[in-house]
Amino acid sequence: MECRENPSITTTGATAAVAAAIPTSLLSHISSPAGSFASFPPRAVLVSPCAACKILRRRCVDKCVLAPYFPPSEPLKFTIAHRVFGASNIIKLLQELPEAQRADAVNSMVYEANARLRDPVYGCAGAICQLQKQISELQAELAKSQAEILNMQYQNANLVEFVCQEMLQNQENSPQDQQDENSRFLFDENFFSMGPEPLWT
């Protein structure tokens, strides 16, 4: 006849054996709610590396010179500048400049890199030459329009002067014309008042 062990007895014995193996200091921390959280150190806040350090696959330190100008949300910005200038040249340039001028320098490098990728031969110089050509063409058109405006103003001034002279001449000639008309009217009245002359005397 087999002798079966009582499950409740074996479980209680195993629990007692485990409890005896654990130190009492650790049991006191686990048993108390305050001690369970006080024993673990606070977790460190993970900061995402900047786009430059992420692309270069290096550790982003606290005072990274590239972090303020190449945030993690804009990786393409550093990729373009890095492709044309290189990371070492960008870092060297930023270290040589004061902090007030670094943002403008980064924007200039990114703009130059974009222009260099679009036009590898001339880069920004090509865009500047094209803009200068457009300015020259617009200045020529402006000068032509101003010359046309002056010509029209001169023609209008001559036309006004001619109209004024014509009006003055008409005003000067109008009394003489009125006198001639009056004399002609009197002559006609005298002619009709004379009547027909008798044929015999």
C-alpha atoms as a PDB file:
ATOM      1  CA  MET A   1       0.000   0.000   0.000  1.00  0.00           C
ATOM      2  CA  GLU A   2       1.453   3.386  -1.208  1.00  0.00           C
ATOM      3  CA  CYS A   3       1.923   6.208   1.192  1.00  0.00           C
ATOM      4  CA  ARG A   4       0.930   9.545  -0.380  1.00  0.00           C
ATOM      5  CA  GLU A   5       2.241  12.858   0.929  1.00  0.00           C
ATOM      6  CA  ASN A   6      -0.142  15.567   1.908  1.00  0.00           C
ATOM      7  CA  PRO A   7       0.249  18.497  -0.624  1.00  0.00           C
ATOM      8  CA  SER A   8      -0.483  21.120   1.975  1.00  0.00           C
ATOM      9  CA  ILE A   9       2.276  19.849   4.212  1.00  0.00           C
ATOM     10  CA  THR A  10       4.919  19.771   1.456  1.00  0.00           C
ATOM     11  CA  THR A  11       4.055  23.316   0.276  1.00  0.00           C
ATOM     12  CA  THR A  12       4.291  24.698   3.763  1.00  0.00           C
ATOM     13  CA  GLY A  13       7.637  23.059   4.271  1.00  0.00           C
ATOM     14  CA  ALA A  14       9.051  24.476   1.023  1.00  0.00           C
ATOM     15  CA  THR A  15       7.881  27.963   1.903  1.00  0.00           C
ATOM     16  CA  ALA A  16       9.553  27.750   5.273  1.00  0.00           C
ATOM     17  CA  ALA A  17      12.790  26.582   3.667  1.00  0.00           C
ATOM     18  CA  VAL A  18      12.835  29.509   1.205  1.00  0.00           C
ATOM     19  CA  ALA A  19      12.060  31.996   3.956  1.00  0.00           C
ATOM     20  CA  ALA A  20      14.925  30.657   6.024  1.00  0.00           C
ATOM     21  CA  ALA A  21      17.315  31.105   3.105  1.00  0.00           C
ATOM     22  CA  ILE A  22      16.415  34.823   2.508  1.00  0.00           C
ATOM     23  CA  PRO A  23      18.132  37.348   4.830  1.00  0.00           C
ATOM     24  CA  THR A  24      15.929  39.093   7.340  1.00  0.00           C
ATOM     25  CA  SER A  25      17.056  42.576   6.164  1.00  0.00           C
ATOM     26  CA  LEU A  26      15.744  41.916   2.660  1.00  0.00           C
ATOM     27  CA  LEU A  27      12.499  40.475   4.033  1.00  0.00           C
ATOM     28  CA  SER A  28      11.918  43.640   6.044  1.00  0.00           C
ATOM     29  CA  HIS A  29      12.283  45.811   2.890  1.00  0.00           C
ATOM     30  CA  ILE A  30       9.934  43.634   0.892  1.00  0.00           C
ATOM     31  CA  SER A  31       7.320  43.392   3.634  1.00  0.00           C
ATOM     32  CA  SER A  32       7.044  47.149   4.165  1.00  0.00           C
ATOM     33  CA  PRO A  33       5.608  49.250   1.274  1.00  0.00           C
ATOM     34  CA  ALA A  34       7.939  52.150   1.927  1.00  0.00           C
ATOM     35  CA  GLY A  35      11.022  49.956   2.074  1.00  0.00           C
ATOM     36  CA  SER A  36      10.262  48.223  -1.223  1.00  0.00           C
ATOM     37  CA  PHE A  37      10.528  51.537  -3.168  1.00  0.00           C
ATOM     38  CA  ALA A  38      13.279  53.084  -1.076  1.00  0.00           C
ATOM     39  CA  SER A  39      15.712  50.274  -1.840  1.00  0.00           C
ATOM     40  CA  PHE A  40      15.759  50.933  -5.649  1.00  0.00           C
ATOM     41  CA  PRO A  41      17.688  53.961  -7.031  1.00  0.00           C
ATOM     42  CA  PRO A  42      15.780  56.478  -9.248  1.00  0.00           C
ATOM     43  CA  ARG A  43      15.906  55.795 -12.966  1.00  0.00           C
ATOM     44  CA  ALA A  44      17.992  58.111 -15.156  1.00  0.00           C
ATOM     45  CA  VAL A  45      16.115  60.109 -17.795  1.00  0.00           C
ATOM     46  CA  LEU A  46      17.176  59.011 -21.268  1.00  0.00           C
ATOM     47  CA  VAL A  47      17.927  61.910 -23.609  1.00  0.00           C
ATOM     48  CA  SER A  48      17.718  61.262 -27.335  1.00  0.00           C
ATOM     49  CA  PRO A  49      21.002  62.010 -29.123  1.00  0.00           C
ATOM     50  CA  CYS A  50      21.114  64.831 -31.605  1.00  0.00           C
ATOM     51  CA  ALA A  51      20.776  64.102 -35.300  1.00  0.00           C
ATOM     52  CA  ALA A  52      24.512  64.589 -35.862  1.00  0.00           C
ATOM     53  CA  CYS A  53      25.616  62.122 -33.174  1.00  0.00           C
ATOM     54  CA  LYS A  54      22.940  59.671 -34.247  1.00  0.00           C
ATOM     55  CA  ILE A  55      24.142  59.718 -37.860  1.00  0.00           C
ATOM     56  CA  LEU A  56      27.799  59.583 -36.808  1.00  0.00           C
ATOM     57  CA  ARG A  57      26.939  56.761 -34.365  1.00  0.00           C
ATOM     58  CA  ARG A  58      28.688  58.276 -31.414  1.00  0.00           C
ATOM     59  CA  ARG A  59      27.697  59.160 -27.883  1.00  0.00           C
ATOM     60  CA  CYS A  60      26.048  62.557 -27.550  1.00  0.00           C
ATOM     61  CA  VAL A  61      27.567  64.326 -24.541  1.00  0.00           C
ATOM     62  CA  ASP A  62      25.858  66.978 -22.444  1.00  0.00           C
ATOM     63  CA  LYS A  63      27.695  69.920 -24.036  1.00  0.00           C
ATOM     64  CA  CYS A  64      27.599  68.652 -27.611  1.00  0.00           C
ATOM     65  CA  VAL A  65      28.390  71.543 -29.947  1.00  0.00           C
ATOM     66  CA  LEU A  66      26.121  70.120 -32.657  1.00  0.00           C
ATOM     67  CA  ALA A  67      23.036  69.374 -30.531  1.00  0.00           C
ATOM     68  CA  PRO A  68      21.501  72.900 -30.441  1.00  0.00           C
ATOM     69  CA  TYR A  69      21.619  73.237 -34.237  1.00  0.00           C
ATOM     70  CA  PHE A  70      20.861  69.682 -35.417  1.00  0.00           C
ATOM     71  CA  PRO A  71      17.912  68.412 -33.339  1.00  0.00           C
ATOM     72  CA  PRO A  72      16.827  64.757 -33.548  1.00  0.00           C
ATOM     73  CA  SER A  73      13.709  65.736 -35.506  1.00  0.00           C
ATOM     74  CA  GLU A  74      15.764  67.138 -38.442  1.00  0.00           C
ATOM     75  CA  PRO A  75      18.226  64.456 -39.537  1.00  0.00           C
ATOM     76  CA  LEU A  76      18.203  65.586 -43.180  1.00  0.00           C
ATOM     77  CA  LYS A  77      19.654  68.949 -42.186  1.00  0.00           C
ATOM     78  CA  PHE A  78      22.861  67.410 -40.872  1.00  0.00           C
ATOM     79  CA  THR A  79      22.985  64.782 -43.624  1.00  0.00           C
ATOM     80  CA  ILE A  80      23.144  67.449 -46.340  1.00  0.00           C
ATOM     81  CA  ALA A  81      25.720  69.583 -44.516  1.00  0.00           C
ATOM     82  CA  HIS A  82      27.811  66.524 -43.621  1.00  0.00           C
ATOM     83  CA  ARG A  83      27.831  65.307 -47.223  1.00  0.00           C
ATOM     84  CA  VAL A  84      29.358  68.560 -48.509  1.00  0.00           C
ATOM     85  CA  PHE A  85      31.475  69.907 -45.627  1.00  0.00           C
ATOM     86  CA  GLY A  86      32.164  66.908 -43.390  1.00  0.00           C
ATOM     87  CA  ALA A  87      31.538  66.566 -39.666  1.00  0.00           C
ATOM     88  CA  SER A  88      35.037  67.622 -38.577  1.00  0.00           C
ATOM     89  CA  ASN A  89      34.867  70.873 -40.556  1.00  0.00           C
ATOM     90  CA  ILE A  90      31.416  71.680 -39.180  1.00  0.00           C
ATOM     91  CA  ILE A  91      32.558  71.078 -35.584  1.00  0.00           C
ATOM     92  CA  LYS A  92      35.741  73.097 -36.092  1.00  0.00           C
ATOM     93  CA  LEU A  93      33.845  76.024 -37.596  1.00  0.00           C
ATOM     94  CA  LEU A  94      31.289  76.074 -34.784  1.00  0.00           C
ATOM     95  CA  GLN A  95      33.981  75.929 -32.111  1.00  0.00           C
ATOM     96  CA  GLU A  96      35.776  78.916 -33.631  1.00  0.00           C
ATOM     97  CA  LEU A  97      32.652  81.076 -33.720  1.00  0.00           C
ATOM     98  CA  PRO A  98      30.869  82.740 -30.773  1.00  0.00           C
ATOM     99  CA  GLU A  99      27.538  81.226 -29.800  1.00  0.00           C
ATOM    100  CA  ALA A 100      25.577  84.215 -31.124  1.00  0.00           C
ATOM    101  CA  GLN A 101      26.796  83.514 -34.680  1.00  0.00           C
ATOM    102  CA  ARG A 102      26.608  79.724 -34.761  1.00  0.00           C
ATOM    103  CA  ALA A 103      22.960  79.465 -35.787  1.00  0.00           C
ATOM    104  CA  ASP A 104      23.526  81.748 -38.790  1.00  0.00           C
ATOM    105  CA  ALA A 105      26.624  79.781 -39.722  1.00  0.00           C
ATOM    106  CA  VAL A 106      24.705  76.492 -39.658  1.00  0.00           C
ATOM    107  CA  ASN A 107      21.918  77.946 -41.811  1.00  0.00           C
ATOM    108  CA  SER A 108      24.495  79.247 -44.284  1.00  0.00           C
ATOM    109  CA  MET A 109      26.232  75.869 -44.465  1.00  0.00           C
ATOM    110  CA  VAL A 110      22.952  74.038 -45.046  1.00  0.00           C
ATOM    111  CA  TYR A 111      21.955  76.526 -47.761  1.00  0.00           C
ATOM    112  CA  GLU A 112      25.344  76.241 -49.450  1.00  0.00           C
ATOM    113  CA  ALA A 113      25.186  72.438 -49.241  1.00  0.00           C
ATOM    114  CA  ASN A 114      21.735  72.399 -50.861  1.00  0.00           C
ATOM    115  CA  ALA A 115      22.931  74.692 -53.642  1.00  0.00           C
ATOM    116  CA  ARG A 116      26.073  72.606 -54.122  1.00  0.00           C
ATOM    117  CA  LEU A 117      24.024  69.415 -54.450  1.00  0.00           C
ATOM    118  CA  ARG A 118      21.754  71.055 -57.029  1.00  0.00           C
ATOM    119  CA  ASP A 119      24.632  72.660 -58.947  1.00  0.00           C
ATOM    120  CA  PRO A 120      27.957  70.931 -58.176  1.00  0.00           C
ATOM    121  CA  VAL A 121      29.954  73.336 -60.381  1.00  0.00           C
ATOM    122  CA  TYR A 122      28.828  76.793 -59.226  1.00  0.00           C
ATOM    123  CA  GLY A 123      26.773  76.201 -56.073  1.00  0.00           C
ATOM    124  CA  CYS A 124      25.602  79.456 -54.470  1.00  0.00           C
ATOM    125  CA  ALA A 125      27.630  81.483 -56.970  1.00  0.00           C
ATOM    126  CA  GLY A 126      25.392  80.229 -59.776  1.00  0.00           C
ATOM    127  CA  ALA A 127      22.254  81.283 -57.914  1.00  0.00           C
ATOM    128  CA  ILE A 128      23.782  84.687 -57.144  1.00  0.00           C
ATOM    129  CA  CYS A 129      24.734  85.242 -60.811  1.00  0.00           C
ATOM    130  CA  GLN A 130      21.240  84.291 -61.920  1.00  0.00           C
ATOM    131  CA  LEU A 131      19.677  86.708 -59.443  1.00  0.00           C
ATOM    132  CA  GLN A 132      22.032  89.500 -60.519  1.00  0.00           C
ATOM    133  CA  LYS A 133      21.047  88.881 -64.155  1.00  0.00           C
ATOM    134  CA  GLN A 134      17.374  89.146 -63.239  1.00  0.00           C
ATOM    135  CA  ILE A 135      18.070  92.392 -61.365  1.00  0.00           C
ATOM    136  CA  SER A 136      19.846  93.862 -64.420  1.00  0.00           C
ATOM    137  CA  GLU A 137      16.948  92.905 -66.692  1.00  0.00           C
ATOM    138  CA  LEU A 138      14.411  94.409 -64.317  1.00  0.00           C
ATOM    139  CA  GLN A 139      16.440  97.617 -64.006  1.00  0.00           C
ATOM    140  CA  ALA A 140      16.557  97.921 -67.829  1.00  0.00           C
ATOM    141  CA  GLU A 141      12.785  97.435 -68.043  1.00  0.00           C
ATOM    142  CA  LEU A 142      12.281 100.012 -65.303  1.00  0.00           C
ATOM    143  CA  ALA A 143      14.470 102.572 -67.121  1.00  0.00           C
ATOM    144  CA  LYS A 144      12.556 101.953 -70.359  1.00  0.00           C
ATOM    145  CA  SER A 145       9.216 102.415 -68.609  1.00  0.00           C
ATOM    146  CA  GLN A 146      10.418 105.633 -66.961  1.00  0.00           C
ATOM    147  CA  ALA A 147      11.557 106.975 -70.355  1.00  0.00           C
ATOM    148  CA  GLU A 148       8.142 106.180 -71.851  1.00  0.00           C
ATOM    149  CA  ILE A 149       6.424 107.945 -68.951  1.00  0.00           C
ATOM    150  CA  LEU A 150       8.581 111.071 -69.455  1.00  0.00           C
ATOM    151  CA  ASN A 151       7.845 111.044 -73.194  1.00  0.00           C
ATOM    152  CA  MET A 152       4.107 110.831 -72.563  1.00  0.00           C
ATOM    153  CA  GLN A 153       4.297 113.635 -70.000  1.00  0.00           C
ATOM    154  CA  TYR A 154       6.181 115.807 -72.516  1.00  0.00           C
ATOM    155  CA  GLN A 155       3.576 115.103 -75.211  1.00  0.00           C
ATOM    156  CA  ASN A 156       0.762 115.926 -72.808  1.00  0.00           C
ATOM    157  CA  ALA A 157       2.462 119.188 -71.852  1.00  0.00           C
ATOM    158  CA  ASN A 158       2.826 120.165 -75.538  1.00  0.00           C
ATOM    159  CA  LEU A 159      -0.788 119.263 -76.189  1.00  0.00           C
ATOM    160  CA  VAL A 160      -1.988 121.393 -73.272  1.00  0.00           C
ATOM    161  CA  GLU A 161       0.147 124.302 -74.446  1.00  0.00           C
ATOM    162  CA  PHE A 162      -1.221 123.996 -77.980  1.00  0.00           C
ATOM    163  CA  VAL A 163      -4.816 123.935 -76.734  1.00  0.00           C
ATOM    164  CA  CYS A 164      -4.210 127.009 -74.563  1.00  0.00           C
ATOM    165  CA  GLN A 165      -2.729 128.928 -77.517  1.00  0.00           C
ATOM    166  CA  GLU A 166      -5.684 128.022 -79.700  1.00  0.00           C
ATOM    167  CA  MET A 167      -8.104 129.231 -77.038  1.00  0.00           C
ATOM    168  CA  LEU A 168      -6.227 132.531 -76.662  1.00  0.00           C
ATOM    169  CA  GLN A 169      -6.233 133.077 -80.425  1.00  0.00           C
ATOM    170  CA  ASN A 170      -9.951 132.386 -80.595  1.00  0.00           C
ATOM    171  CA  GLN A 171     -10.583 134.838 -77.780  1.00  0.00           C
ATOM    172  CA  GLU A 172      -8.480 137.520 -79.515  1.00  0.00           C
ATOM    173  CA  ASN A 173     -10.207 137.045 -82.870  1.00  0.00           C
ATOM    174  CA  SER A 174     -13.745 136.915 -81.514  1.00  0.00           C
ATOM    175  CA  PRO A 175     -14.306 140.771 -81.110  1.00  0.00           C
ATOM    176  CA  GLN A 176     -13.194 141.453 -84.701  1.00  0.00           C
ATOM    177  CA  ASP A 177     -15.484 138.726 -86.022  1.00  0.00           C
ATOM    178  CA  GLN A 178     -18.370 140.170 -84.058  1.00  0.00           C
ATOM    179  CA  GLN A 179     -17.688 143.654 -85.492  1.00  0.00           C
ATOM    180  CA  ASP A 180     -17.572 142.269 -89.056  1.00  0.00           C
ATOM    181  CA  GLU A 181     -20.862 140.483 -88.531  1.00  0.00           C
ATOM    182  CA  ASN A 182     -22.494 143.626 -87.152  1.00  0.00           C
ATOM    183  CA  SER A 183     -21.282 145.737 -90.093  1.00  0.00           C
ATOM    184  CA  ARG A 184     -22.548 143.145 -92.564  1.00  0.00           C
ATOM    185  CA  PHE A 185     -25.936 143.157 -90.850  1.00  0.00           C
ATOM    186  CA  LEU A 186     -26.152 146.977 -91.065  1.00  0.00           C
ATOM    187  CA  PHE A 187     -25.229 146.885 -94.744  1.00  0.00           C
ATOM    188  CA  ASP A 188     -28.008 144.436 -95.422  1.00  0.00           C
ATOM    189  CA  GLU A 189     -30.550 146.617 -93.605  1.00  0.00           C
ATOM    190  CA  ASN A 190     -29.504 149.740 -95.591  1.00  0.00           C
ATOM    191  CA  PHE A 191     -29.787 147.824 -98.826  1.00  0.00           C
ATOM    192  CA  PHE A 192     -33.320 146.733 -98.113  1.00  0.00           C
ATOM    193  CA  SER A 193     -34.414 150.147 -96.780  1.00  0.00           C
ATOM    194  CA  MET A 194     -33.450 151.924 -99.988  1.00  0.00           C
ATOM    195  CA  GLY A 195     -36.145 150.140-101.994  1.00  0.00           C
ATOM    196  CA  PRO A 196     -36.335 150.012-105.806  1.00  0.00           C
ATOM    197  CA  GLU A 197     -35.474 153.168-107.754  1.00  0.00           C
ATOM    198  CA  PRO A 198     -38.192 154.524-110.111  1.00  0.00           C
ATOM    199  CA  LEU A 199     -37.653 153.813-113.725  1.00  0.00           C
ATOM    200  CA  TRP A 200     -38.698 157.332-114.842  1.00  0.00           C
ATOM    201  CA  THR A 201     -38.180 160.688-113.314  1.00  0.00           C
END
